[in-house]
Amino acid sequence: NDTGSLNIAYDYKTSIYTNQDIENLHKRILNIVKQVVSQENIELKDVEIVTPEEKNKLIEEFNKTEFKYDATETVIRLFEKQTEKTPEKIAVVSNNKKLTYRELNEKSNMLASKMIEKGVQQEDIIGIMLNRSPEMIIGLIAILKCGATYLPIDPEYPLDRISYMIENSETSLVLVNKNTEKLLPENCGKIDVTEIENQNKQETIIINS
């Protein structure tokens, strides 16, 4: 109107929204209006919906995710401690498949034992050619339990690149599944992680610290 004022009336269902919800909405609308009025040439993509206070909370407060832990502990030891504390809590979820900390620990122990039987030693480089899955997590933990280093190999890489990575890194063993084992060069050692993942037998190994 001629006075240069802006009146906004809100009609809302009190069964769905609270007064605080509407107040927050009102602040965002005012924030948008202030930006447009103060910056005549502002582009729509540059208009911020959240208020400065909300932006500060999102950036500063919600990102305070620091976690204190004993820097002398290994990742595997921290995992073992969590397993001891919450063995039946879900540790891994992938599609319809779930693994508890206990199951994840048992299966990674079995795989680590299998790897040791194959001659894996500390500081060996072990390839892991698996898509994101519970089997990949089992494989990564098992490699660390052996004190070895893992070399991630993307199954989508060209065959010559996969061969180059394995040969150049002197990897003698690669963790695979039924779909990726066929991508390995001849004479390369392998373990099918899915066979381990489907077993229920528990093995105990010494964890390298």
N, C-alpha and C. Protein backbone atom coordinates (compact mmCIF):
# COMPACT_ATOMS: atom_id res chain seq x y z
N ASN A 1 0.83 -1.20 0.00
CA ASN A 1 0.00 0.00 0.00
C ASN A 1 0.87 1.25 0.00
N ASP A 2 0.26 2.44 0.07
CA ASP A 2 0.99 3.70 -0.04
C ASP A 2 1.90 3.97 1.13
N THR A 3 1.65 3.32 2.26
CA THR A 3 2.47 3.58 3.45
C THR A 3 3.79 2.84 3.38
N GLY A 4 3.92 1.91 2.44
CA GLY A 4 5.16 1.17 2.31
C GLY A 4 5.28 0.03 3.29
N SER A 5 4.19 -0.34 3.93
CA SER A 5 4.22 -1.43 4.90
C SER A 5 3.73 -2.72 4.26
N LEU A 6 4.06 -3.82 4.90
CA LEU A 6 3.66 -5.13 4.40
C LEU A 6 3.00 -5.90 5.53
N ASN A 7 1.76 -6.29 5.31
CA ASN A 7 1.02 -7.06 6.31
C ASN A 7 0.88 -8.50 5.83
N ILE A 8 1.20 -9.43 6.72
CA ILE A 8 1.11 -10.85 6.39
C ILE A 8 0.21 -11.54 7.41
N ALA A 9 -0.81 -12.23 6.91
CA ALA A 9 -1.70 -12.97 7.80
C ALA A 9 -1.51 -14.46 7.54
N TYR A 10 -1.46 -15.23 8.62
CA TYR A 10 -1.23 -16.66 8.50
C TYR A 10 -2.48 -17.43 8.92
N ASP A 11 -2.92 -18.29 8.05
CA ASP A 11 -4.07 -19.15 8.33
C ASP A 11 -3.56 -20.58 8.32
N TYR A 12 -3.55 -21.25 9.45
CA TYR A 12 -2.94 -22.58 9.53
C TYR A 12 -3.69 -23.48 10.50
N LYS A 13 -3.47 -24.78 10.36
CA LYS A 13 -4.11 -25.76 11.23
C LYS A 13 -3.28 -25.93 12.50
N THR A 14 -3.89 -25.61 13.62
CA THR A 14 -3.17 -25.72 14.89
C THR A 14 -2.90 -27.17 15.26
N SER A 15 -3.61 -28.10 14.62
CA SER A 15 -3.37 -29.52 14.91
C SER A 15 -2.09 -30.02 14.25
N ILE A 16 -1.59 -29.23 13.28
CA ILE A 16 -0.38 -29.62 12.56
C ILE A 16 0.79 -28.72 12.91
N TYR A 17 0.54 -27.41 12.99
CA TYR A 17 1.62 -26.45 13.23
C TYR A 17 1.47 -25.78 14.60
N THR A 18 2.59 -25.48 15.20
CA THR A 18 2.59 -24.76 16.48
C THR A 18 2.85 -23.29 16.21
N ASN A 19 2.64 -22.47 17.24
CA ASN A 19 2.93 -21.04 17.11
C ASN A 19 4.40 -20.81 16.78
N GLN A 20 5.26 -21.66 17.35
CA GLN A 20 6.69 -21.53 17.09
C GLN A 20 7.01 -21.81 15.63
N ASP A 21 6.31 -22.79 15.05
CA ASP A 21 6.51 -23.08 13.63
C ASP A 21 6.19 -21.86 12.77
N ILE A 22 5.10 -21.20 13.08
CA ILE A 22 4.68 -20.03 12.31
C ILE A 22 5.62 -18.86 12.53
N GLU A 23 6.08 -18.70 13.75
CA GLU A 23 7.04 -17.63 14.04
C GLU A 23 8.33 -17.84 13.25
N ASN A 24 8.79 -19.09 13.19
CA ASN A 24 10.00 -19.38 12.42
C ASN A 24 9.78 -19.13 10.93
N LEU A 25 8.60 -19.50 10.44
CA LEU A 25 8.26 -19.25 9.04
C LEU A 25 8.23 -17.75 8.76
N HIS A 26 7.66 -16.99 9.68
CA HIS A 26 7.56 -15.54 9.52
C HIS A 26 8.96 -14.91 9.46
N LYS A 27 9.88 -15.39 10.30
CA LYS A 27 11.25 -14.86 10.29
C LYS A 27 11.94 -15.13 8.96
N ARG A 28 11.68 -16.31 8.39
CA ARG A 28 12.29 -16.64 7.11
C ARG A 28 11.73 -15.76 5.99
N ILE A 29 10.43 -15.51 6.02
CA ILE A 29 9.83 -14.65 5.00
C ILE A 29 10.38 -13.24 5.10
N LEU A 30 10.49 -12.71 6.32
CA LEU A 30 11.06 -11.37 6.52
C LEU A 30 12.51 -11.33 6.05
N ASN A 31 13.24 -12.40 6.29
CA ASN A 31 14.63 -12.48 5.86
C ASN A 31 14.73 -12.40 4.34
N ILE A 32 13.83 -13.10 3.65
CA ILE A 32 13.81 -13.05 2.18
C ILE A 32 13.48 -11.66 1.69
N VAL A 33 12.47 -11.03 2.31
CA VAL A 33 12.06 -9.68 1.90
C VAL A 33 13.19 -8.69 2.09
N LYS A 34 13.89 -8.77 3.21
CA LYS A 34 14.99 -7.86 3.50
C LYS A 34 16.10 -7.99 2.45
N GLN A 35 16.38 -9.22 2.03
CA GLN A 35 17.43 -9.43 1.04
C GLN A 35 17.05 -8.82 -0.30
N VAL A 36 15.79 -9.03 -0.70
CA VAL A 36 15.32 -8.52 -1.99
C VAL A 36 15.26 -7.00 -1.99
N VAL A 37 14.82 -6.40 -0.88
CA VAL A 37 14.70 -4.95 -0.79
C VAL A 37 16.08 -4.29 -0.77
N SER A 38 17.01 -4.88 -0.03
CA SER A 38 18.33 -4.27 0.12
C SER A 38 19.25 -4.53 -1.07
N GLN A 39 18.93 -5.57 -1.88
CA GLN A 39 19.76 -5.90 -3.03
C GLN A 39 18.87 -6.02 -4.27
N GLU A 40 18.72 -4.92 -4.99
CA GLU A 40 17.78 -4.87 -6.11
C GLU A 40 18.10 -5.89 -7.19
N ASN A 41 19.38 -6.17 -7.41
CA ASN A 41 19.77 -7.05 -8.51
C ASN A 41 20.07 -8.48 -8.06
N ILE A 42 19.66 -8.82 -6.86
CA ILE A 42 19.95 -10.16 -6.37
C ILE A 42 19.24 -11.21 -7.21
N GLU A 43 19.92 -12.30 -7.49
CA GLU A 43 19.33 -13.40 -8.26
C GLU A 43 18.66 -14.38 -7.32
N LEU A 44 17.67 -15.07 -7.84
CA LEU A 44 16.89 -16.00 -7.03
C LEU A 44 17.77 -17.05 -6.37
N LYS A 45 18.78 -17.51 -7.07
CA LYS A 45 19.66 -18.56 -6.54
C LYS A 45 20.49 -18.07 -5.36
N ASP A 46 20.61 -16.75 -5.23
CA ASP A 46 21.42 -16.19 -4.15
C ASP A 46 20.60 -15.81 -2.92
N VAL A 47 19.30 -15.94 -3.01
CA VAL A 47 18.44 -15.62 -1.87
C VAL A 47 18.50 -16.75 -0.85
N GLU A 48 18.83 -16.42 0.37
CA GLU A 48 18.92 -17.41 1.44
C GLU A 48 17.60 -17.49 2.20
N ILE A 49 17.09 -18.70 2.31
CA ILE A 49 15.81 -18.89 3.00
C ILE A 49 16.00 -18.87 4.50
N VAL A 50 17.07 -19.51 4.97
CA VAL A 50 17.29 -19.57 6.42
C VAL A 50 17.76 -18.22 6.93
N THR A 51 17.44 -17.93 8.16
CA THR A 51 17.85 -16.68 8.78
C THR A 51 19.31 -16.77 9.19
N PRO A 52 19.95 -15.64 9.45
CA PRO A 52 21.35 -15.68 9.91
C PRO A 52 21.53 -16.53 11.16
N GLU A 53 20.55 -16.47 12.07
CA GLU A 53 20.63 -17.26 13.30
C GLU A 53 20.58 -18.75 12.98
N GLU A 54 19.68 -19.15 12.08
CA GLU A 54 19.57 -20.55 11.70
C GLU A 54 20.81 -21.02 10.96
N LYS A 55 21.35 -20.16 10.12
CA LYS A 55 22.57 -20.50 9.37
C LYS A 55 23.73 -20.74 10.33
N ASN A 56 23.84 -19.87 11.33
CA ASN A 56 24.91 -20.03 12.31
C ASN A 56 24.76 -21.34 13.08
N LYS A 57 23.51 -21.70 13.41
CA LYS A 57 23.27 -22.94 14.14
C LYS A 57 23.63 -24.15 13.29
N LEU A 58 23.26 -24.10 12.00
CA LEU A 58 23.55 -25.21 11.11
C LEU A 58 25.05 -25.40 10.91
N ILE A 59 25.76 -24.29 10.75
CA ILE A 59 27.18 -24.35 10.45
C ILE A 59 28.03 -24.59 11.68
N GLU A 60 27.71 -23.88 12.75
CA GLU A 60 28.56 -23.91 13.94
C GLU A 60 28.13 -25.00 14.94
N GLU A 61 26.87 -24.95 15.36
CA GLU A 61 26.43 -25.84 16.44
C GLU A 61 26.26 -27.28 15.97
N PHE A 62 25.59 -27.48 14.85
CA PHE A 62 25.30 -28.84 14.40
C PHE A 62 26.53 -29.55 13.88
N ASN A 63 27.59 -28.80 13.58
CA ASN A 63 28.82 -29.42 13.07
C ASN A 63 29.83 -29.68 14.17
N LYS A 64 29.44 -29.47 15.38
CA LYS A 64 30.34 -29.75 16.50
C LYS A 64 30.28 -31.25 16.81
N THR A 65 31.00 -31.99 16.01
CA THR A 65 30.95 -33.46 16.12
C THR A 65 32.27 -34.04 16.64
N GLU A 66 33.05 -33.18 17.32
CA GLU A 66 34.30 -33.70 17.85
C GLU A 66 34.04 -34.84 18.83
N PHE A 67 34.92 -35.82 18.77
CA PHE A 67 34.77 -36.98 19.64
C PHE A 67 36.12 -37.30 20.27
N LYS A 68 36.17 -37.33 21.57
CA LYS A 68 37.42 -37.62 22.26
C LYS A 68 37.61 -39.14 22.38
N TYR A 69 38.78 -39.58 22.02
CA TYR A 69 39.09 -41.00 22.15
C TYR A 69 40.60 -41.16 22.40
N ASP A 70 40.96 -42.31 22.86
CA ASP A 70 42.36 -42.60 23.15
C ASP A 70 43.12 -42.77 21.83
N ALA A 71 44.00 -41.83 21.52
CA ALA A 71 44.73 -41.86 20.25
C ALA A 71 45.68 -43.05 20.16
N THR A 72 45.95 -43.69 21.28
CA THR A 72 46.86 -44.85 21.25
C THR A 72 46.12 -46.13 20.86
N GLU A 73 44.80 -46.09 20.84
CA GLU A 73 44.01 -47.28 20.49
C GLU A 73 43.95 -47.43 18.97
N THR A 74 44.01 -48.66 18.49
CA THR A 74 43.85 -48.92 17.07
C THR A 74 42.37 -48.94 16.71
N VAL A 75 42.08 -48.79 15.41
CA VAL A 75 40.70 -48.86 14.95
C VAL A 75 40.07 -50.19 15.32
N ILE A 76 40.84 -51.26 15.17
CA ILE A 76 40.32 -52.60 15.47
C ILE A 76 40.01 -52.74 16.95
N ARG A 77 40.88 -52.21 17.80
CA ARG A 77 40.62 -52.32 19.24
C ARG A 77 39.38 -51.53 19.62
N LEU A 78 39.18 -50.37 19.01
CA LEU A 78 37.97 -49.58 19.27
C LEU A 78 36.74 -50.35 18.81
N PHE A 79 36.86 -51.02 17.67
CA PHE A 79 35.75 -51.83 17.17
C PHE A 79 35.45 -52.99 18.12
N GLU A 80 36.50 -53.64 18.62
CA GLU A 80 36.33 -54.74 19.56
C GLU A 80 35.64 -54.26 20.84
N LYS A 81 36.03 -53.10 21.32
CA LYS A 81 35.42 -52.56 22.53
C LYS A 81 33.93 -52.28 22.32
N GLN A 82 33.61 -51.74 21.15
CA GLN A 82 32.20 -51.47 20.85
C GLN A 82 31.43 -52.78 20.75
N THR A 83 32.05 -53.81 20.20
CA THR A 83 31.41 -55.12 20.11
C THR A 83 31.14 -55.69 21.49
N GLU A 84 32.10 -55.52 22.39
CA GLU A 84 31.91 -56.00 23.76
C GLU A 84 30.79 -55.23 24.46
N LYS A 85 30.68 -53.96 24.14
CA LYS A 85 29.69 -53.11 24.81
C LYS A 85 28.28 -53.34 24.26
N THR A 86 28.15 -53.43 22.93
CA THR A 86 26.82 -53.56 22.31
C THR A 86 26.84 -54.66 21.24
N PRO A 87 27.01 -55.91 21.64
CA PRO A 87 27.14 -57.00 20.66
C PRO A 87 25.93 -57.20 19.76
N GLU A 88 24.73 -56.90 20.25
CA GLU A 88 23.52 -57.16 19.45
C GLU A 88 22.99 -55.92 18.75
N LYS A 89 23.69 -54.82 18.87
CA LYS A 89 23.30 -53.61 18.15
C LYS A 89 23.64 -53.78 16.67
N ILE A 90 22.82 -53.17 15.79
CA ILE A 90 23.08 -53.27 14.35
C ILE A 90 24.29 -52.41 14.00
N ALA A 91 25.25 -53.03 13.32
CA ALA A 91 26.48 -52.33 12.93
C ALA A 91 26.48 -51.96 11.45
N VAL A 92 25.88 -52.82 10.62
CA VAL A 92 25.89 -52.61 9.18
C VAL A 92 24.50 -52.88 8.62
N VAL A 93 24.05 -51.98 7.75
CA VAL A 93 22.77 -52.17 7.07
C VAL A 93 22.98 -51.93 5.58
N SER A 94 22.54 -52.87 4.76
CA SER A 94 22.64 -52.73 3.31
C SER A 94 21.43 -53.39 2.68
N ASN A 95 20.57 -52.57 2.08
CA ASN A 95 19.30 -53.07 1.53
C ASN A 95 18.55 -53.81 2.65
N ASN A 96 18.29 -55.10 2.46
CA ASN A 96 17.55 -55.85 3.48
C ASN A 96 18.47 -56.67 4.38
N LYS A 97 19.77 -56.48 4.25
CA LYS A 97 20.72 -57.26 5.03
C LYS A 97 21.25 -56.43 6.20
N LYS A 98 21.28 -57.04 7.38
CA LYS A 98 21.78 -56.37 8.57
C LYS A 98 22.77 -57.28 9.29
N LEU A 99 23.78 -56.67 9.90
CA LEU A 99 24.74 -57.41 10.71
C LEU A 99 24.90 -56.70 12.04
N THR A 100 24.86 -57.47 13.12
CA THR A 100 25.14 -56.89 14.43
C THR A 100 26.64 -56.79 14.61
N TYR A 101 27.06 -56.09 15.66
CA TYR A 101 28.49 -56.00 15.95
C TYR A 101 29.08 -57.39 16.18
N ARG A 102 28.33 -58.23 16.87
CA ARG A 102 28.81 -59.59 17.13
C ARG A 102 29.01 -60.36 15.83
N GLU A 103 28.01 -60.32 14.95
CA GLU A 103 28.10 -61.03 13.68
C GLU A 103 29.24 -60.48 12.82
N LEU A 104 29.37 -59.16 12.80
CA LEU A 104 30.43 -58.54 12.01
C LEU A 104 31.80 -58.95 12.54
N ASN A 105 31.93 -59.00 13.85
CA ASN A 105 33.20 -59.38 14.46
C ASN A 105 33.51 -60.85 14.17
N GLU A 106 32.53 -61.72 14.32
CA GLU A 106 32.74 -63.15 14.08
C GLU A 106 33.12 -63.42 12.63
N LYS A 107 32.41 -62.80 11.70
CA LYS A 107 32.67 -63.05 10.28
C LYS A 107 34.02 -62.47 9.85
N SER A 108 34.38 -61.31 10.38
CA SER A 108 35.69 -60.75 10.05
C SER A 108 36.80 -61.58 10.67
N ASN A 109 36.55 -62.19 11.84
CA ASN A 109 37.53 -63.10 12.45
C ASN A 109 37.72 -64.33 11.57
N MET A 110 36.64 -64.88 11.05
CA MET A 110 36.73 -66.06 10.18
C MET A 110 37.52 -65.74 8.92
N LEU A 111 37.23 -64.58 8.34
CA LEU A 111 37.93 -64.19 7.12
C LEU A 111 39.40 -63.94 7.41
N ALA A 112 39.69 -63.27 8.52
CA ALA A 112 41.09 -63.01 8.88
C ALA A 112 41.85 -64.32 9.08
N SER A 113 41.21 -65.29 9.72
CA SER A 113 41.84 -66.60 9.92
C SER A 113 42.12 -67.27 8.58
N LYS A 114 41.17 -67.16 7.65
CA LYS A 114 41.36 -67.73 6.32
C LYS A 114 42.52 -67.06 5.61
N MET A 115 42.64 -65.75 5.77
CA MET A 115 43.73 -65.00 5.13
C MET A 115 45.08 -65.41 5.70
N ILE A 116 45.12 -65.61 7.02
CA ILE A 116 46.38 -66.04 7.66
C ILE A 116 46.77 -67.42 7.17
N GLU A 117 45.76 -68.30 6.98
CA GLU A 117 46.03 -69.63 6.44
C GLU A 117 46.64 -69.53 5.04
N LYS A 118 46.25 -68.49 4.31
CA LYS A 118 46.76 -68.28 2.95
C LYS A 118 48.15 -67.64 2.97
N GLY A 119 48.66 -67.32 4.18
CA GLY A 119 50.01 -66.77 4.28
C GLY A 119 50.09 -65.28 4.45
N VAL A 120 48.96 -64.61 4.67
CA VAL A 120 48.98 -63.16 4.85
C VAL A 120 49.71 -62.80 6.14
N GLN A 121 50.59 -61.83 6.06
CA GLN A 121 51.35 -61.38 7.21
C GLN A 121 51.16 -59.87 7.40
N GLN A 122 51.65 -59.37 8.53
CA GLN A 122 51.55 -57.94 8.80
C GLN A 122 52.25 -57.15 7.69
N GLU A 123 51.62 -56.02 7.36
CA GLU A 123 52.12 -55.07 6.37
C GLU A 123 52.02 -55.57 4.93
N ASP A 124 51.44 -56.75 4.72
CA ASP A 124 51.15 -57.18 3.35
C ASP A 124 50.09 -56.26 2.76
N ILE A 125 50.08 -56.15 1.45
CA ILE A 125 49.05 -55.38 0.76
C ILE A 125 48.01 -56.34 0.20
N ILE A 126 46.78 -56.17 0.65
CA ILE A 126 45.68 -57.05 0.24
C ILE A 126 44.67 -56.26 -0.58
N GLY A 127 44.39 -56.74 -1.77
CA GLY A 127 43.40 -56.07 -2.61
C GLY A 127 41.99 -56.41 -2.16
N ILE A 128 41.08 -55.48 -2.34
CA ILE A 128 39.67 -55.74 -2.03
C ILE A 128 38.84 -55.18 -3.19
N MET A 129 38.24 -56.08 -3.94
CA MET A 129 37.48 -55.70 -5.13
C MET A 129 36.02 -56.09 -4.94
N LEU A 130 35.32 -55.26 -4.20
CA LEU A 130 33.93 -55.51 -3.86
C LEU A 130 33.14 -54.20 -3.96
N ASN A 131 31.89 -54.31 -4.35
CA ASN A 131 31.03 -53.14 -4.32
C ASN A 131 30.63 -52.87 -2.88
N ARG A 132 30.07 -51.71 -2.62
CA ARG A 132 29.65 -51.37 -1.27
C ARG A 132 28.62 -52.37 -0.77
N SER A 133 28.96 -53.04 0.31
CA SER A 133 28.12 -54.13 0.80
C SER A 133 28.63 -54.54 2.17
N PRO A 134 27.87 -55.35 2.92
CA PRO A 134 28.38 -55.89 4.19
C PRO A 134 29.67 -56.66 3.99
N GLU A 135 29.79 -57.35 2.84
CA GLU A 135 31.01 -58.11 2.56
C GLU A 135 32.24 -57.21 2.50
N MET A 136 32.06 -55.99 1.96
CA MET A 136 33.19 -55.06 1.91
C MET A 136 33.65 -54.68 3.31
N ILE A 137 32.70 -54.41 4.22
CA ILE A 137 33.04 -54.04 5.59
C ILE A 137 33.73 -55.21 6.30
N ILE A 138 33.20 -56.41 6.09
CA ILE A 138 33.84 -57.61 6.67
C ILE A 138 35.28 -57.72 6.17
N GLY A 139 35.47 -57.49 4.88
CA GLY A 139 36.80 -57.59 4.30
C GLY A 139 37.76 -56.56 4.84
N LEU A 140 37.32 -55.31 4.95
CA LEU A 140 38.18 -54.24 5.44
C LEU A 140 38.62 -54.52 6.88
N ILE A 141 37.68 -54.93 7.71
CA ILE A 141 38.01 -55.21 9.11
C ILE A 141 38.95 -56.40 9.22
N ALA A 142 38.70 -57.43 8.41
CA ALA A 142 39.55 -58.62 8.44
C ALA A 142 40.98 -58.28 8.04
N ILE A 143 41.14 -57.44 7.04
CA ILE A 143 42.48 -57.04 6.60
C ILE A 143 43.21 -56.32 7.72
N LEU A 144 42.50 -55.40 8.39
CA LEU A 144 43.11 -54.67 9.50
C LEU A 144 43.44 -55.59 10.67
N LYS A 145 42.60 -56.60 10.89
CA LYS A 145 42.86 -57.56 11.97
C LYS A 145 44.16 -58.33 11.72
N CYS A 146 44.47 -58.54 10.44
CA CYS A 146 45.71 -59.24 10.10
C CYS A 146 46.93 -58.33 10.18
N GLY A 147 46.68 -57.04 10.39
CA GLY A 147 47.80 -56.10 10.42
C GLY A 147 48.27 -55.74 9.02
N ALA A 148 47.45 -56.07 8.02
CA ALA A 148 47.81 -55.79 6.63
C ALA A 148 47.23 -54.45 6.18
N THR A 149 47.55 -54.08 4.95
CA THR A 149 47.05 -52.85 4.35
C THR A 149 46.13 -53.21 3.20
N TYR A 150 45.01 -52.51 3.08
CA TYR A 150 44.08 -52.84 2.01
C TYR A 150 44.26 -51.90 0.81
N LEU A 151 44.08 -52.48 -0.37
CA LEU A 151 44.15 -51.74 -1.61
C LEU A 151 42.78 -51.83 -2.28
N PRO A 152 41.98 -50.75 -2.25
CA PRO A 152 40.65 -50.79 -2.89
C PRO A 152 40.77 -50.80 -4.40
N ILE A 153 40.08 -51.73 -5.03
CA ILE A 153 40.08 -51.85 -6.49
C ILE A 153 38.64 -51.78 -6.97
N ASP A 154 38.31 -50.77 -7.73
CA ASP A 154 36.95 -50.59 -8.23
C ASP A 154 36.67 -51.61 -9.33
N PRO A 155 35.64 -52.44 -9.16
CA PRO A 155 35.32 -53.44 -10.20
C PRO A 155 34.96 -52.81 -11.54
N GLU A 156 34.65 -51.51 -11.54
CA GLU A 156 34.28 -50.83 -12.78
C GLU A 156 35.51 -50.40 -13.59
N TYR A 157 36.70 -50.54 -13.00
CA TYR A 157 37.92 -50.17 -13.73
C TYR A 157 38.10 -51.09 -14.94
N PRO A 158 38.76 -50.59 -15.99
CA PRO A 158 39.11 -51.47 -17.13
C PRO A 158 40.01 -52.61 -16.64
N LEU A 159 39.95 -53.74 -17.32
CA LEU A 159 40.71 -54.91 -16.90
C LEU A 159 42.21 -54.65 -16.86
N ASP A 160 42.71 -53.87 -17.82
CA ASP A 160 44.15 -53.62 -17.83
C ASP A 160 44.58 -52.77 -16.63
N ARG A 161 43.70 -51.87 -16.19
CA ARG A 161 44.04 -51.07 -15.01
C ARG A 161 44.01 -51.93 -13.75
N ILE A 162 43.02 -52.84 -13.66
CA ILE A 162 42.95 -53.74 -12.50
C ILE A 162 44.22 -54.59 -12.43
N SER A 163 44.64 -55.12 -13.58
CA SER A 163 45.85 -55.93 -13.62
C SER A 163 47.07 -55.12 -13.23
N TYR A 164 47.14 -53.88 -13.72
CA TYR A 164 48.28 -53.02 -13.40
C TYR A 164 48.35 -52.74 -11.91
N MET A 165 47.21 -52.43 -11.29
CA MET A 165 47.19 -52.13 -9.86
C MET A 165 47.66 -53.33 -9.04
N ILE A 166 47.18 -54.52 -9.41
CA ILE A 166 47.55 -55.73 -8.66
C ILE A 166 49.03 -56.04 -8.82
N GLU A 167 49.51 -55.96 -10.05
CA GLU A 167 50.91 -56.29 -10.31
C GLU A 167 51.86 -55.23 -9.73
N ASN A 168 51.51 -53.95 -9.91
CA ASN A 168 52.40 -52.88 -9.46
C ASN A 168 52.49 -52.79 -7.94
N SER A 169 51.41 -53.18 -7.26
CA SER A 169 51.40 -53.14 -5.79
C SER A 169 51.93 -54.43 -5.18
N GLU A 170 52.22 -55.41 -6.04
CA GLU A 170 52.69 -56.72 -5.59
C GLU A 170 51.68 -57.39 -4.67
N THR A 171 50.42 -57.17 -4.97
CA THR A 171 49.34 -57.81 -4.21
C THR A 171 49.25 -59.28 -4.62
N SER A 172 49.32 -60.16 -3.64
CA SER A 172 49.25 -61.59 -3.94
C SER A 172 47.88 -62.18 -3.64
N LEU A 173 47.02 -61.37 -2.98
CA LEU A 173 45.71 -61.88 -2.58
C LEU A 173 44.68 -60.77 -2.72
N VAL A 174 43.53 -61.10 -3.28
CA VAL A 174 42.45 -60.13 -3.47
C VAL A 174 41.15 -60.71 -2.93
N LEU A 175 40.43 -59.91 -2.16
CA LEU A 175 39.11 -60.32 -1.66
C LEU A 175 38.07 -59.97 -2.72
N VAL A 176 37.27 -60.98 -3.08
CA VAL A 176 36.32 -60.81 -4.18
C VAL A 176 34.98 -61.44 -3.82
N ASN A 177 34.04 -61.37 -4.76
CA ASN A 177 32.81 -62.15 -4.68
C ASN A 177 32.63 -62.86 -6.03
N LYS A 178 31.50 -63.52 -6.22
CA LYS A 178 31.28 -64.30 -7.44
C LYS A 178 31.33 -63.44 -8.70
N ASN A 179 30.93 -62.17 -8.57
CA ASN A 179 30.88 -61.29 -9.73
C ASN A 179 32.22 -60.67 -10.08
N THR A 180 33.09 -60.49 -9.10
CA THR A 180 34.34 -59.78 -9.37
C THR A 180 35.56 -60.70 -9.52
N GLU A 181 35.45 -61.94 -9.09
CA GLU A 181 36.62 -62.81 -9.18
C GLU A 181 37.05 -63.07 -10.61
N LYS A 182 36.10 -63.00 -11.53
CA LYS A 182 36.42 -63.24 -12.95
C LYS A 182 37.24 -62.10 -13.55
N LEU A 183 37.34 -60.98 -12.82
CA LEU A 183 38.09 -59.83 -13.33
C LEU A 183 39.58 -59.91 -12.98
N LEU A 184 39.93 -60.88 -12.15
CA LEU A 184 41.32 -61.00 -11.69
C LEU A 184 42.21 -61.58 -12.79
N PRO A 185 43.48 -61.15 -12.83
CA PRO A 185 44.43 -61.77 -13.76
C PRO A 185 44.72 -63.20 -13.31
N GLU A 186 45.21 -64.00 -14.20
CA GLU A 186 45.52 -65.39 -13.87
C GLU A 186 46.61 -65.46 -12.81
N ASN A 187 46.56 -66.51 -12.03
CA ASN A 187 47.56 -66.78 -10.98
C ASN A 187 47.50 -65.79 -9.81
N CYS A 188 46.44 -65.00 -9.73
CA CYS A 188 46.29 -64.09 -8.59
C CYS A 188 45.47 -64.79 -7.51
N GLY A 189 45.99 -64.82 -6.29
CA GLY A 189 45.26 -65.47 -5.21
C GLY A 189 44.00 -64.70 -4.85
N LYS A 190 43.00 -65.42 -4.41
CA LYS A 190 41.72 -64.76 -4.10
C LYS A 190 41.00 -65.50 -2.98
N ILE A 191 40.12 -64.78 -2.31
CA ILE A 191 39.19 -65.37 -1.34
C ILE A 191 37.82 -64.78 -1.62
N ASP A 192 36.84 -65.65 -1.76
CA ASP A 192 35.45 -65.20 -1.97
C ASP A 192 34.85 -64.86 -0.61
N VAL A 193 34.65 -63.58 -0.37
CA VAL A 193 34.16 -63.12 0.94
C VAL A 193 32.74 -63.59 1.20
N THR A 194 31.95 -63.79 0.15
CA THR A 194 30.56 -64.21 0.34
C THR A 194 30.48 -65.59 0.97
N GLU A 195 31.46 -66.43 0.69
CA GLU A 195 31.47 -67.77 1.29
C GLU A 195 31.70 -67.67 2.79
N ILE A 196 32.55 -66.75 3.20
CA ILE A 196 32.80 -66.52 4.62
C ILE A 196 31.58 -65.88 5.26
N GLU A 197 31.00 -64.92 4.56
CA GLU A 197 29.87 -64.15 5.11
C GLU A 197 28.68 -65.05 5.40
N ASN A 198 28.56 -66.13 4.64
CA ASN A 198 27.41 -67.03 4.80
C ASN A 198 27.65 -68.12 5.84
N GLN A 199 28.83 -68.15 6.45
CA GLN A 199 29.12 -69.15 7.46
C GLN A 199 28.73 -68.62 8.85
N ASN A 200 28.48 -69.53 9.75
CA ASN A 200 28.09 -69.16 11.11
C ASN A 200 29.13 -69.55 12.15
N LYS A 201 30.14 -70.32 11.72
CA LYS A 201 31.17 -70.75 12.65
C LYS A 201 31.99 -69.57 13.13
N GLN A 202 32.33 -69.54 14.42
CA GLN A 202 33.11 -68.46 14.98
C GLN A 202 34.57 -68.88 15.12
N GLU A 203 35.46 -67.99 14.71
CA GLU A 203 36.89 -68.21 14.86
C GLU A 203 37.45 -67.12 15.75
N THR A 204 38.55 -67.44 16.42
CA THR A 204 39.21 -66.45 17.26
C THR A 204 40.63 -66.26 16.75
N ILE A 205 41.03 -65.02 16.56
CA ILE A 205 42.39 -64.74 16.11
C ILE A 205 43.02 -63.69 17.01
N ILE A 206 44.32 -63.56 16.91
CA ILE A 206 45.03 -62.54 17.66
C ILE A 206 44.94 -61.23 16.90
N ILE A 207 44.50 -60.19 17.57
CA ILE A 207 44.37 -58.89 16.93
C ILE A 207 45.69 -58.15 17.01
N ASN A 208 46.18 -57.68 15.89
CA ASN A 208 47.42 -56.93 15.87
C ASN A 208 47.19 -55.52 16.37
N SER A 209 47.99 -55.08 17.30
CA SER A 209 47.84 -53.73 17.85
C SER A 209 48.95 -52.84 17.34
